[in-house]
């Protein structure tokens, strides 16, 4: 079937101006019948050729524009003269030993790719004056003659095992280059790249210690790939949109000072597992510095993710477009960063070992675009949002994850909590000093402008709550109306040693959509809420309650397999399926409730 489709495609192309020939495992040169029409071929691909002894010394294909020749097995000697292929523009040769002297008359050649070839007479390369793309794969040759190719736009060099040794000042003379891809280890002096003002795409494998140690600017660069074997950065400089760096264990500095004010288009920064990194940008006296802290104004930044940077020195980011912030183990090995409040005049985010994450100052932005916040292993953080001016509105926040923020006391002020209309996921784990998710009204300073009105706090889109190992927490959330958690589907609360109640509620809360309920290892838990309401869970399909000995109410299952939660006084003597101080594992549709 494959051959039928291929032959049909060849027949279609042969009817027009272009004619193709594709052969695999060629044992001899095309027969006489084919040769009679050979003058009309515009493209030929001969794969796994083993007939080089039968190749003619000279071949005439005056209309041929594209030629692919792939040798079979080890490098074979190719002595054919391609000089009569005057129209040839693209030549791909793989697995041959040949002299470039046989190509020097190809004055229209635009692309030359040699893979796993042994090349001779490289000096003939300078005669290919229209060559635009040169790729040498599997050879250690550095084509010095390329400096005499005025139209060369793309240079691709790769050898898996051998290091590329570039002569000094070779790259700096390739001023027409738009793409440079060196996939092998090399000795490239990065300063030379400053002369490549037209460069738009760059692939380099360089040592992490040498990356951006020198000051240089590539104004047209659109892509950068490779920081060592496992490290990647994709960027544009003046139009920088994305930077991703991963697993560079020796990297200490990413960017030189000259790039700091030249990243107006940067949208995403993802940094992961560079344990020796100290600075994203090397500081300089000309930088905007608060004390010893670097301030980066990145107006287009939407995502900032920094994971496993224990030695990272504190820096400040200002961005009005931020949508996702992830900080995990950042700066824990550094001295506590202290930033003077009067010195800041705009809202910002502090990345590093600092007591606050979001610093609210100007009130012009107030982080209203933020959607996802994940903070992990930040041992000095005490406050996420300090909103004494009452100006922060997080009406786009959908996911908040806090883990191992051991000194965190609270998460939201009451006024911020009232703006969480789109919050969907709330995960809090191992925040040992957390006293409350929402700051209590009695703890709000009287001098602040925070809204302390009685307007109810509701979470109309909150779907999942997970709070575990927060040993100083006594209550989860204060709720103001029956529909405060109308979308809640999952509630997992475990190993909170001081937790006495789940919710502070002024009226009975409806849990119509709750599907999964897990309560475990809470020796002080007494009730869902202090007033002992009757709760009904019509959508519940799984329930696990373990080692909560002080609970004063009971669960029971009615005839319709609907779970209820009532005080013991309401259930005693009237509800045969009531469960009091038992460990429960229940799945809807089961015939009985299992006790541990």
Protein backbone atom coordinates (compact mmCIF):
# COMPACT_ATOMS: atom_id res chain seq x y z
CA UNK A 1 0.00 0.00 0.00
CA UNK A 2 2.87 2.33 0.85
CA UNK A 3 4.41 1.76 -2.62
CA UNK A 4 1.07 2.48 -4.31
CA UNK A 5 0.67 5.78 -2.49
CA UNK A 6 4.28 6.73 -3.16
CA UNK A 7 4.05 5.90 -6.89
CA UNK A 8 0.78 7.79 -7.19
CA UNK A 9 2.37 10.84 -5.56
CA UNK A 10 5.29 10.57 -7.98
CA UNK A 11 2.89 10.34 -10.91
CA UNK A 12 1.06 13.48 -9.77
CA UNK A 13 4.26 15.48 -9.42
CA UNK A 14 5.63 14.18 -12.71
CA UNK A 15 2.70 15.69 -14.62
CA UNK A 16 3.69 19.22 -13.78
CA UNK A 17 6.89 21.16 -14.02
CA UNK A 18 8.48 19.13 -11.19
CA UNK A 19 9.51 15.47 -11.45
CA UNK A 20 10.75 13.44 -8.49
CA UNK A 21 12.80 10.25 -8.25
CA UNK A 22 12.92 8.30 -4.95
CA UNK A 23 14.92 5.07 -4.72
CA UNK A 24 15.83 2.91 -1.72
CA UNK A 25 18.63 0.36 -1.67
CA UNK A 26 19.90 1.41 -5.09
CA UNK A 27 22.25 -1.25 -6.53
CA UNK A 28 23.04 0.45 -9.81
CA UNK A 29 22.60 3.81 -11.42
CA UNK A 30 19.12 4.40 -12.97
CA UNK A 31 18.71 2.40 -16.19
CA UNK A 32 18.87 3.75 -19.70
CA UNK A 33 15.16 4.33 -19.93
CA UNK A 34 15.19 6.51 -16.87
CA UNK A 35 18.34 8.30 -17.95
CA UNK A 36 16.70 9.39 -21.20
CA UNK A 37 14.25 11.42 -19.19
CA UNK A 38 16.70 12.34 -16.48
CA UNK A 39 17.04 15.86 -17.73
CA UNK A 40 13.55 16.61 -16.47
CA UNK A 41 14.05 15.56 -12.84
CA UNK A 42 13.91 18.44 -10.37
CA UNK A 43 14.35 16.37 -7.17
CA UNK A 44 16.04 13.04 -6.43
CA UNK A 45 16.37 11.06 -3.20
CA UNK A 46 18.55 7.94 -3.33
CA UNK A 47 18.65 6.13 0.03
CA UNK A 48 21.00 3.35 1.21
CA UNK A 49 23.05 3.47 -1.95
CA UNK A 50 25.53 0.61 -2.42
CA UNK A 51 26.36 1.13 -6.06
CA UNK A 52 29.02 3.82 -5.93
CA UNK A 53 31.34 1.80 -8.16
CA UNK A 54 28.69 2.17 -10.83
CA UNK A 55 28.13 5.86 -10.33
CA UNK A 56 29.23 7.81 -13.40
CA UNK A 57 32.07 10.26 -13.02
CA UNK A 58 29.85 13.01 -14.35
CA UNK A 59 26.09 13.28 -14.15
CA UNK A 60 23.95 15.73 -16.06
CA UNK A 61 20.71 16.91 -14.50
CA UNK A 62 20.37 20.51 -15.67
CA UNK A 63 16.97 21.00 -13.96
CA UNK A 64 17.75 19.19 -10.71
CA UNK A 65 17.21 21.48 -7.70
CA UNK A 66 17.26 19.02 -4.78
CA UNK A 67 19.47 15.94 -4.32
CA UNK A 68 19.55 13.56 -1.34
CA UNK A 69 22.23 10.85 -1.35
CA UNK A 70 22.47 8.41 1.53
CA UNK A 71 25.24 5.82 1.58
CA UNK A 72 24.81 2.32 2.95
CA UNK A 73 27.06 1.18 5.79
CA UNK A 74 30.48 2.77 6.40
CA UNK A 75 31.70 5.86 4.60
CA UNK A 76 32.08 5.18 0.90
CA UNK A 77 34.23 7.12 -1.53
CA UNK A 78 32.11 9.39 -3.70
CA UNK A 79 34.01 10.63 -6.74
CA UNK A 80 31.11 11.83 -8.86
CA UNK A 81 31.44 15.35 -10.24
CA UNK A 82 28.24 17.31 -9.67
CA UNK A 83 29.41 20.21 -11.76
CA UNK A 84 26.77 19.77 -14.46
CA UNK A 85 23.90 20.20 -12.00
CA UNK A 86 23.88 23.93 -12.55
CA UNK A 87 20.41 24.45 -11.03
CA UNK A 88 21.10 22.47 -7.82
CA UNK A 89 20.04 24.42 -4.73
CA UNK A 90 19.81 21.78 -1.97
CA UNK A 91 22.35 18.97 -1.48
CA UNK A 92 22.22 16.41 1.34
CA UNK A 93 25.00 13.82 1.59
CA UNK A 94 25.18 11.15 4.29
CA UNK A 95 27.83 8.49 4.90
CA UNK A 96 30.36 9.38 2.21
CA UNK A 97 33.98 10.33 1.84
CA UNK A 98 34.32 12.99 -0.83
CA UNK A 99 36.07 16.16 -1.89
CA UNK A 100 34.29 19.51 -1.91
CA UNK A 101 36.23 20.27 -5.06
CA UNK A 102 33.50 18.42 -6.94
CA UNK A 103 30.94 20.93 -5.67
CA UNK A 104 32.70 24.22 -6.28
CA UNK A 105 30.99 24.82 -9.61
CA UNK A 106 27.51 24.64 -8.00
CA UNK A 107 27.05 28.38 -8.09
CA UNK A 108 23.32 28.21 -7.24
CA UNK A 109 23.70 25.97 -4.20
CA UNK A 110 21.81 27.43 -1.21
CA UNK A 111 21.84 24.52 1.27
CA UNK A 112 24.59 21.98 1.95
CA UNK A 113 24.16 19.32 4.62
CA UNK A 114 26.83 16.68 5.21
CA UNK A 115 26.10 14.01 7.82
CA UNK A 116 28.73 11.52 8.97
CA UNK A 117 30.95 12.36 6.03
CA UNK A 118 34.74 12.63 5.76
CA UNK A 119 35.35 15.85 3.90
CA UNK A 120 38.39 16.88 1.90
CA UNK A 121 39.47 20.09 0.19
CA UNK A 122 37.40 22.34 2.43
CA UNK A 123 39.00 25.33 0.73
CA UNK A 124 36.58 24.80 -2.17
CA UNK A 125 33.76 25.87 0.14
CA UNK A 126 34.65 29.53 -0.41
CA UNK A 127 33.55 29.22 -4.03
CA UNK A 128 29.93 28.54 -3.05
CA UNK A 129 29.18 32.22 -2.84
CA UNK A 130 25.38 31.85 -2.67
CA UNK A 131 25.35 29.27 0.13
CA UNK A 132 22.87 30.25 2.85
CA UNK A 133 22.62 27.11 5.02
CA UNK A 134 25.58 24.91 6.02
CA UNK A 135 25.19 21.87 8.27
CA UNK A 136 28.07 19.58 9.22
CA UNK A 137 27.01 16.63 11.38
CA UNK A 138 29.32 13.96 12.74
CA UNK A 139 32.53 15.72 11.74
CA UNK A 140 34.97 17.70 13.84
CA UNK A 141 35.74 20.17 11.03
CA UNK A 142 35.29 23.87 11.76
CA UNK A 143 34.75 25.50 8.35
CA UNK A 144 37.01 28.55 8.50
CA UNK A 145 36.17 29.16 4.86
CA UNK A 146 32.66 30.08 5.93
CA UNK A 147 33.84 33.63 6.67
CA UNK A 148 34.13 34.09 2.91
CA UNK A 149 30.48 33.20 2.31
CA UNK A 150 28.73 36.56 2.23
CA UNK A 151 25.20 35.11 2.19
CA UNK A 152 25.58 32.44 4.90
CA UNK A 153 22.59 32.73 7.23
CA UNK A 154 22.50 29.42 9.10
CA UNK A 155 25.37 27.32 10.48
CA UNK A 156 24.69 23.96 12.17
CA UNK A 157 27.57 21.97 13.72
CA UNK A 158 27.28 18.77 15.72
CA UNK A 159 29.55 15.94 16.84
CA UNK A 160 28.46 13.62 19.61
CA UNK A 161 31.90 12.78 20.97
CA UNK A 162 34.35 15.51 19.96
CA UNK A 163 34.62 19.06 21.19
CA UNK A 164 34.41 21.84 18.61
CA UNK A 165 37.49 24.08 18.75
CA UNK A 166 36.73 27.42 17.15
CA UNK A 167 39.66 29.57 16.04
CA UNK A 168 39.68 33.01 17.73
CA UNK A 169 37.54 35.67 16.03
CA UNK A 170 35.99 33.22 13.59
CA UNK A 171 32.39 33.65 14.73
CA UNK A 172 32.66 37.41 15.04
CA UNK A 173 33.31 37.61 11.29
CA UNK A 174 30.16 35.69 10.32
CA UNK A 175 28.18 38.91 10.39
CA UNK A 176 25.42 37.67 8.07
CA UNK A 177 24.48 34.76 10.36
CA UNK A 178 20.86 34.61 11.50
CA UNK A 179 21.02 31.12 13.04
CA UNK A 180 23.91 29.46 14.88
CA UNK A 181 23.49 25.93 16.26
CA UNK A 182 26.48 24.27 17.93
CA UNK A 183 25.25 21.13 19.65
CA UNK A 184 28.69 19.83 20.64
CA UNK A 185 30.93 20.92 23.48
CA UNK A 186 32.95 23.88 22.33
CA UNK A 187 35.30 26.69 23.26
CA UNK A 188 33.12 29.54 21.96
CA UNK A 189 33.95 32.93 23.38
CA UNK A 190 30.51 34.39 24.04
CA UNK A 191 31.79 37.93 23.60
CA UNK A 192 32.25 37.20 19.90
CA UNK A 193 28.51 36.75 19.57
CA UNK A 194 28.05 40.48 20.11
CA UNK A 195 29.18 41.01 16.53
CA UNK A 196 26.32 38.87 15.20
CA UNK A 197 23.76 41.65 15.13
CA UNK A 198 21.39 39.69 12.86
CA UNK A 199 21.33 36.52 14.96
CA UNK A 200 17.76 35.41 15.71
CA UNK A 201 18.27 31.78 16.82
CA UNK A 202 21.09 30.35 18.93
CA UNK A 203 21.80 26.83 20.17
CA UNK A 204 24.83 26.34 22.39
CA UNK A 205 26.19 23.78 24.76
CA UNK A 206 28.35 25.72 27.17
CA UNK A 207 29.58 25.23 30.69
CA UNK A 208 27.18 26.63 33.25
CA UNK A 209 29.97 28.73 34.77
CA UNK A 210 30.44 30.56 31.49
CA UNK A 211 26.83 31.34 30.69
CA UNK A 212 26.33 35.07 30.39
CA UNK A 213 29.44 35.86 32.44
CA UNK A 214 30.30 38.54 29.92
CA UNK A 215 28.30 41.59 28.93
CA UNK A 216 26.98 41.24 25.42
CA UNK A 217 23.76 42.12 23.62
CA UNK A 218 22.02 40.30 20.77
CA UNK A 219 19.24 42.70 19.76
CA UNK A 220 17.49 40.41 17.25
CA UNK A 221 17.81 37.12 19.12
CA UNK A 222 14.55 35.19 19.36
CA UNK A 223 15.60 31.77 20.65
CA UNK A 224 18.30 30.39 22.89
CA UNK A 225 18.67 26.67 23.54
CA UNK A 226 21.00 24.61 25.76
CA UNK A 227 22.71 25.47 28.99
CA UNK A 228 24.72 22.28 29.37
CA UNK A 229 23.16 18.95 28.53
CA UNK A 230 20.06 19.14 30.70
CA UNK A 231 19.52 22.88 30.91
CA UNK A 232 17.31 24.83 28.59
CA UNK A 233 16.47 28.46 28.03
CA UNK A 234 14.10 29.71 25.38
CA UNK A 235 14.22 33.44 25.07
CA UNK A 236 14.05 36.55 23.06
CA UNK A 237 16.08 39.38 24.46
CA UNK A 238 14.36 42.60 23.57
CA UNK A 239 11.34 40.44 22.79
CA UNK A 240 12.05 37.89 25.51
CA UNK A 241 8.98 35.79 26.26
CA UNK A 242 10.12 32.58 27.95
CA UNK A 243 13.09 31.36 29.98
CA UNK A 244 13.34 27.79 31.29
CA UNK A 245 16.45 26.52 33.09
CA UNK A 246 16.62 23.12 34.74
CA UNK A 247 19.24 21.04 36.52
CA UNK A 248 22.30 23.30 36.20
CA UNK A 249 24.06 22.30 39.39
CA UNK A 250 27.03 24.66 38.96
CA UNK A 251 25.17 27.70 37.66
CA UNK A 252 25.60 30.77 39.89
CA UNK A 253 24.39 33.69 37.74
CA UNK A 254 21.98 33.59 34.80
CA UNK A 255 21.97 37.02 33.16
CA UNK A 256 24.45 39.90 32.96
CA UNK A 257 23.42 43.32 34.28
CA UNK A 258 22.90 44.76 30.81
CA UNK A 259 19.85 42.56 30.21
CA UNK A 260 17.91 43.57 33.33
CA UNK A 261 16.18 46.64 31.86
CA UNK A 262 15.84 45.05 28.42
CA UNK A 263 13.20 42.40 29.05
CA UNK A 264 9.94 44.25 28.43
CA UNK A 265 8.26 41.26 26.74
CA UNK A 266 9.24 38.53 29.21
CA UNK A 267 6.14 36.46 30.03
CA UNK A 268 7.39 33.27 31.69
CA UNK A 269 10.36 32.36 33.88
CA UNK A 270 10.72 28.77 35.08
CA UNK A 271 13.82 27.90 37.11
CA UNK A 272 14.26 24.49 38.69
CA UNK A 273 16.95 22.67 40.64
CA UNK A 274 20.00 24.92 40.43
CA UNK A 275 21.25 24.55 44.02
CA UNK A 276 24.31 26.80 43.57
CA UNK A 277 22.49 29.69 41.88
CA UNK A 278 22.83 32.94 43.82
CA UNK A 279 21.59 35.59 41.41
CA UNK A 280 19.24 35.68 38.46
CA UNK A 281 20.81 39.00 37.45
CA UNK A 282 24.30 40.02 38.46
CA UNK A 283 24.05 43.26 40.48
CA UNK A 284 25.68 46.50 39.39
CA UNK A 285 25.75 50.05 40.67
CA UNK A 286 23.53 51.13 37.79
CA UNK A 287 20.75 48.75 38.78
CA UNK A 288 17.62 49.75 40.66
CA UNK A 289 18.60 48.53 44.12
CA UNK A 290 16.79 48.80 47.46
CA UNK A 291 19.41 48.29 50.10
CA UNK A 292 21.15 45.22 48.75
CA UNK A 293 18.07 43.93 46.94
CA UNK A 294 17.63 43.89 43.16
CA UNK A 295 14.36 45.21 41.74
CA UNK A 296 13.17 43.83 38.40
CA UNK A 297 10.40 45.66 36.61
CA UNK A 298 8.99 43.07 34.21
CA UNK A 299 5.73 44.54 32.91
CA UNK A 300 4.70 41.52 30.81
CA UNK A 301 5.62 38.74 33.25
CA UNK A 302 2.74 36.29 33.74
CA UNK A 303 4.42 33.23 35.24
CA UNK A 304 7.31 32.98 37.70
CA UNK A 305 8.29 29.54 38.97
CA UNK A 306 11.41 29.09 41.11
CA UNK A 307 12.12 25.69 42.71
CA UNK A 308 15.10 24.43 44.70
CA UNK A 309 17.30 27.50 44.92
CA UNK A 310 18.48 27.45 48.55
CA UNK A 311 21.31 29.93 47.93
CA UNK A 312 19.32 32.43 45.88
CA UNK A 313 19.77 35.98 47.10
CA UNK A 314 16.59 37.96 47.56
CA UNK A 315 15.25 39.99 44.64
CA UNK A 316 12.04 41.91 43.98
CA UNK A 317 9.72 41.58 40.98
CA UNK A 318 7.21 44.17 39.87
CA UNK A 319 4.66 43.01 37.29
CA UNK A 320 1.07 44.02 36.72
CA UNK A 321 0.29 40.94 34.59
CA UNK A 322 1.37 38.19 37.00
CA UNK A 323 -0.96 35.17 36.85
CA UNK A 324 1.06 32.34 38.38
CA UNK A 325 3.68 32.42 41.14
CA UNK A 326 5.48 29.29 42.35
CA UNK A 327 8.22 29.54 45.00
CA UNK A 328 9.69 26.36 46.48
CA UNK A 329 12.80 26.21 48.68
CA UNK A 330 14.05 29.65 47.74
CA UNK A 331 16.77 31.35 49.76
CA UNK A 332 16.57 29.13 52.83
CA UNK A 333 20.33 28.96 52.97
CA UNK A 334 20.73 32.77 52.89
CA UNK A 335 20.53 35.47 55.50
CA UNK A 336 17.05 36.84 56.17
CA UNK A 337 16.23 39.53 53.61
CA UNK A 338 14.97 42.80 55.09
CA UNK A 339 13.40 45.45 52.86
CA UNK A 340 12.51 48.90 54.09
CA UNK A 341 8.82 49.73 53.51
CA UNK A 342 9.26 53.49 52.83
CA UNK A 343 11.66 52.79 49.98
CA UNK A 344 9.05 51.00 47.82
CA UNK A 345 6.37 52.91 45.95
CA UNK A 346 4.75 50.09 43.95
CA UNK A 347 3.27 46.69 44.71
CA UNK A 348 5.80 43.89 44.29
CA UNK A 349 6.66 40.27 44.93
CA UNK A 350 9.67 39.30 47.03
CA UNK A 351 11.56 36.22 45.85
CA UNK A 352 13.91 34.90 48.51
CA UNK A 353 14.25 34.40 52.23
CA UNK A 354 11.82 37.09 53.39
CA UNK A 355 8.92 37.44 55.83
CA UNK A 356 6.48 38.73 53.21
CA UNK A 357 5.77 37.45 49.70
CA UNK A 358 3.45 40.10 48.27
CA UNK A 359 4.34 43.62 49.36
CA UNK A 360 1.42 46.02 48.99
CA UNK A 361 2.46 49.65 48.70
CA UNK A 362 1.03 51.70 45.88
CA UNK A 363 -2.40 50.11 45.56
CA UNK A 364 -2.28 50.67 41.79
CA UNK A 365 -2.24 46.99 40.92
CA UNK A 366 -2.96 44.97 44.07
CA UNK A 367 -2.33 41.63 42.32
CA UNK A 368 -5.81 41.39 40.82
CA UNK A 369 -4.56 39.29 37.85
CA UNK A 370 -3.02 36.51 39.97
CA UNK A 371 -4.62 33.08 39.40
CA UNK A 372 -2.29 30.50 40.94
CA UNK A 373 -0.04 30.84 43.99
CA UNK A 374 2.09 27.95 45.23
CA UNK A 375 4.47 28.54 48.15
CA UNK A 376 6.50 25.63 49.52
CA UNK A 377 9.43 25.30 51.93
CA UNK A 378 9.64 29.02 52.67
CA UNK A 379 10.72 28.87 56.28
CA UNK A 380 10.74 32.61 57.04
CA UNK A 381 7.43 33.60 55.46
CA UNK A 382 4.96 34.97 58.02
CA UNK A 383 2.62 36.91 55.75
CA UNK A 384 1.51 36.21 52.19
CA UNK A 385 -0.49 39.41 51.65
CA UNK A 386 -0.11 42.26 54.12
CA UNK A 387 -3.00 44.46 53.14
CA UNK A 388 -3.25 47.15 55.79
CA UNK A 389 -4.59 49.55 53.18
CA UNK A 390 -7.50 47.31 52.27
CA UNK A 391 -6.72 47.61 48.55
CA UNK A 392 -5.91 44.00 47.57
CA UNK A 393 -8.57 42.19 45.55
CA UNK A 394 -7.83 38.62 44.51
CA UNK A 395 -10.94 38.14 42.42
CA UNK A 396 -9.06 35.99 39.85
CA UNK A 397 -7.27 33.68 42.29
CA UNK A 398 -8.30 30.06 41.60
CA UNK A 399 -5.63 27.95 43.33
CA UNK A 400 -3.65 28.49 46.52
CA UNK A 401 -1.15 25.90 47.74
CA UNK A 402 0.88 26.48 50.93
CA UNK A 403 3.27 23.80 52.15
CA UNK A 404 5.98 23.88 54.82
CA UNK A 405 5.67 27.59 55.48
CA UNK A 406 6.48 26.94 59.10
CA UNK A 407 6.21 30.51 60.45
CA UNK A 408 3.09 31.56 58.58
CA UNK A 409 0.45 32.93 61.00
CA UNK A 410 -2.48 33.66 58.69
CA UNK A 411 -3.21 33.76 54.94
CA UNK A 412 -5.90 36.38 54.21
CA UNK A 413 -7.24 39.51 55.84
CA UNK A 414 -11.07 39.65 56.00
CA UNK A 415 -11.24 42.17 53.15
CA UNK A 416 -9.10 39.97 50.89
CA UNK A 417 -11.18 36.91 51.79
CA UNK A 418 -14.32 38.68 50.59
CA UNK A 419 -12.77 39.06 47.14
CA UNK A 420 -12.09 35.33 46.62
CA UNK A 421 -15.11 34.75 44.41
CA UNK A 422 -13.19 32.49 41.98
CA UNK A 423 -11.14 30.45 44.45
CA UNK A 424 -11.45 26.76 43.49
CA UNK A 425 -8.64 24.89 45.24
CA UNK A 426 -7.23 25.52 48.72
CA UNK A 427 -4.35 23.30 49.91
CA UNK A 428 -2.48 23.96 53.15
CA UNK A 429 0.03 21.49 54.61
CA UNK A 430 2.59 21.54 57.42
CA UNK A 431 2.26 25.21 58.32
CA UNK A 432 3.00 24.62 61.98
CA UNK A 433 2.39 28.12 63.34
CA UNK A 434 -0.75 28.85 61.32
CA UNK A 435 -3.41 30.23 63.64
CA UNK A 436 -6.09 30.98 61.08
CA UNK A 437 -6.58 30.95 57.33
CA UNK A 438 -8.38 34.29 57.68
CA UNK A 439 -7.14 36.87 60.16
CA UNK A 440 -9.62 37.28 63.01
CA UNK A 441 -11.49 40.56 63.30
CA UNK A 442 -10.02 41.08 66.76
CA UNK A 443 -6.51 40.85 65.28
CA UNK A 444 -6.95 43.55 62.62
CA UNK A 445 -5.07 46.70 63.71
CA UNK A 446 -7.41 49.56 64.48
CA UNK A 447 -5.17 51.94 62.51
CA UNK A 448 -5.54 49.94 59.28
CA UNK A 449 -8.05 50.54 56.51
CA UNK A 450 -9.05 46.87 56.34
CA UNK A 451 -12.78 46.30 55.98
CA UNK A 452 -14.06 44.96 59.32
CA UNK A 453 -17.72 45.15 58.39
CA UNK A 454 -20.16 42.31 59.00
CA UNK A 455 -20.48 41.57 55.29
CA UNK A 456 -20.48 37.73 55.06
CA UNK A 457 -17.46 35.81 53.76
CA UNK A 458 -18.41 33.30 51.08
CA UNK A 459 -16.51 31.06 48.68
CA UNK A 460 -19.03 30.41 45.90
CA UNK A 461 -16.64 28.42 43.66
CA UNK A 462 -14.46 26.66 46.22
CA UNK A 463 -14.39 23.01 45.17
CA UNK A 464 -11.57 21.40 47.13
CA UNK A 465 -10.18 22.03 50.64
CA UNK A 466 -7.23 20.11 52.06
CA UNK A 467 -5.67 21.19 55.36
CA UNK A 468 -3.19 18.86 57.09
CA UNK A 469 -0.46 18.99 59.75
CA UNK A 470 -1.20 22.54 60.89
CA UNK A 471 -0.79 21.99 64.61
CA UNK A 472 -1.65 25.49 65.81
CA UNK A 473 -4.91 25.84 63.87
CA UNK A 474 -8.16 25.83 65.86
CA UNK A 475 -10.72 26.54 63.12
CA UNK A 476 -10.70 26.48 59.33
CA UNK A 477 -12.95 29.21 57.97
CA UNK A 478 -15.57 31.68 59.20
CA UNK A 479 -18.64 31.35 56.97
CA UNK A 480 -21.39 33.89 56.63
CA UNK A 481 -24.29 32.24 54.79
CA UNK A 482 -25.90 28.91 54.01
CA UNK A 483 -24.48 28.95 50.48
CA UNK A 484 -20.92 29.86 51.48
CA UNK A 485 -19.57 26.52 50.18
CA UNK A 486 -22.20 25.61 47.61
CA UNK A 487 -19.66 24.09 45.15
CA UNK A 488 -17.51 22.18 47.66
CA UNK A 489 -16.85 18.60 46.50
CA UNK A 490 -13.84 17.53 48.54
CA UNK A 491 -13.00 18.23 52.19
CA UNK A 492 -9.88 16.58 53.66
CA UNK A 493 -8.78 17.71 57.13
CA UNK A 494 -6.17 15.62 58.94
CA UNK A 495 -3.50 15.75 61.65
CA UNK A 496 -4.28 19.23 62.97
CA UNK A 497 -3.64 18.63 66.65
CA UNK A 498 -5.42 21.72 68.08
CA UNK A 499 -8.33 21.97 65.65
CA UNK A 500 -11.60 22.22 67.61
CA UNK A 501 -14.11 23.01 64.86
CA UNK A 502 -14.15 23.10 61.09
CA UNK A 503 -16.22 26.20 60.44
CA UNK A 504 -17.44 29.26 62.29
CA UNK A 505 -20.98 29.63 61.00
CA UNK A 506 -23.93 31.85 61.88
CA UNK A 507 -26.43 29.57 60.13
CA UNK A 508 -26.68 26.02 58.87
CA UNK A 509 -24.34 25.46 55.93
CA UNK A 510 -25.43 23.44 52.94
CA UNK A 511 -23.04 20.86 51.52
CA UNK A 512 -25.20 19.74 48.61
CA UNK A 513 -22.28 18.85 46.29
CA UNK A 514 -19.79 17.39 48.78
CA UNK A 515 -18.58 14.03 47.41
CA UNK A 516 -15.60 13.18 49.59
CA UNK A 517 -15.12 13.81 53.33
CA UNK A 518 -12.01 12.85 55.28
CA UNK A 519 -11.35 13.66 58.95
CA UNK A 520 -8.43 11.98 60.76
CA UNK A 521 -6.01 12.28 63.69
CA UNK A 522 -7.48 15.36 65.37
CA UNK A 523 -7.70 14.71 69.11
CA UNK A 524 -9.30 18.12 69.88
CA UNK A 525 -11.96 18.18 67.15
CA UNK A 526 -15.38 18.66 68.75
CA UNK A 527 -17.77 19.61 65.98
CA UNK A 528 -18.29 20.97 62.47
CA UNK A 529 -19.29 24.31 64.00
CA UNK A 530 -20.00 25.51 67.54
CA UNK A 531 -23.81 25.66 67.25
CA UNK A 532 -24.25 21.99 66.39
CA UNK A 533 -26.39 22.31 63.28
CA UNK A 534 -27.87 19.36 61.41
CA UNK A 535 -25.82 18.91 58.24
CA UNK A 536 -26.96 16.86 55.25
CA UNK A 537 -24.58 15.52 52.59
CA UNK A 538 -26.81 14.31 49.71
CA UNK A 539 -23.94 13.93 47.22
CA UNK A 540 -21.43 12.20 49.53
CA UNK A 541 -19.95 9.02 48.03
CA UNK A 542 -16.96 8.50 50.37
CA UNK A 543 -16.47 9.22 54.06
CA UNK A 544 -13.53 8.42 56.31
CA UNK A 545 -13.45 9.50 59.97
CA UNK A 546 -10.59 8.20 62.11
CA UNK A 547 -9.20 9.00 65.52
CA UNK A 548 -11.31 12.07 66.33
CA UNK A 549 -12.43 10.94 69.84
CA UNK A 550 -13.96 14.22 71.09
CA UNK A 551 -16.55 14.72 68.38
CA UNK A 552 -19.89 15.41 70.09
CA UNK A 553 -22.13 14.66 67.11
CA UNK A 554 -22.74 11.57 65.05
CA UNK A 555 -23.02 10.55 61.42
CA UNK A 556 -25.87 8.37 60.25
CA UNK A 557 -27.07 7.01 56.95
CA UNK A 558 -30.74 7.19 56.02
CA UNK A 559 -32.67 4.75 53.85
CA UNK A 560 -31.71 6.65 50.71
CA UNK A 561 -27.98 6.30 51.45
CA UNK A 562 -27.72 9.98 52.34
CA UNK A 563 -25.31 10.93 55.11
CA UNK A 564 -26.48 13.18 57.97
CA UNK A 565 -24.53 14.78 60.77
CA UNK A 566 -26.42 15.56 64.02
CA UNK A 567 -25.75 16.09 67.69
CA UNK A 568 -25.98 13.03 69.89
CA UNK A 569 -29.17 14.38 71.54
CA UNK A 570 -30.91 14.53 68.13
CA UNK A 571 -29.87 11.02 67.07
CA UNK A 572 -30.03 9.08 70.34
CA UNK A 573 -32.82 6.48 70.46
CA UNK A 574 -34.35 7.51 67.14
CA UNK A 575 -31.76 6.69 64.48
CA UNK A 576 -30.69 3.06 64.22
CA UNK A 577 -27.80 3.80 61.85
CA UNK A 578 -26.19 6.45 64.07
CA UNK A 579 -22.45 6.20 64.64
CA UNK A 580 -20.92 7.90 67.63
CA UNK A 581 -17.22 7.70 68.54
CA UNK A 582 -16.29 5.16 65.93
CA UNK A 583 -13.73 5.08 63.18
CA UNK A 584 -15.64 5.12 59.93
CA UNK A 585 -14.91 4.02 56.41
CA UNK A 586 -17.96 4.30 54.19
CA UNK A 587 -18.50 4.14 50.44
CA UNK A 588 -21.90 4.84 48.98
CA UNK A 589 -23.63 1.72 47.78
CA UNK A 590 -21.96 -0.50 50.38
CA UNK A 591 -24.13 -2.71 52.56
CA UNK A 592 -22.64 -1.64 55.87
CA UNK A 593 -20.36 0.80 57.59
CA UNK A 594 -16.96 -0.65 58.34
CA UNK A 595 -15.24 0.07 61.64
CA UNK A 596 -11.52 -0.08 62.18
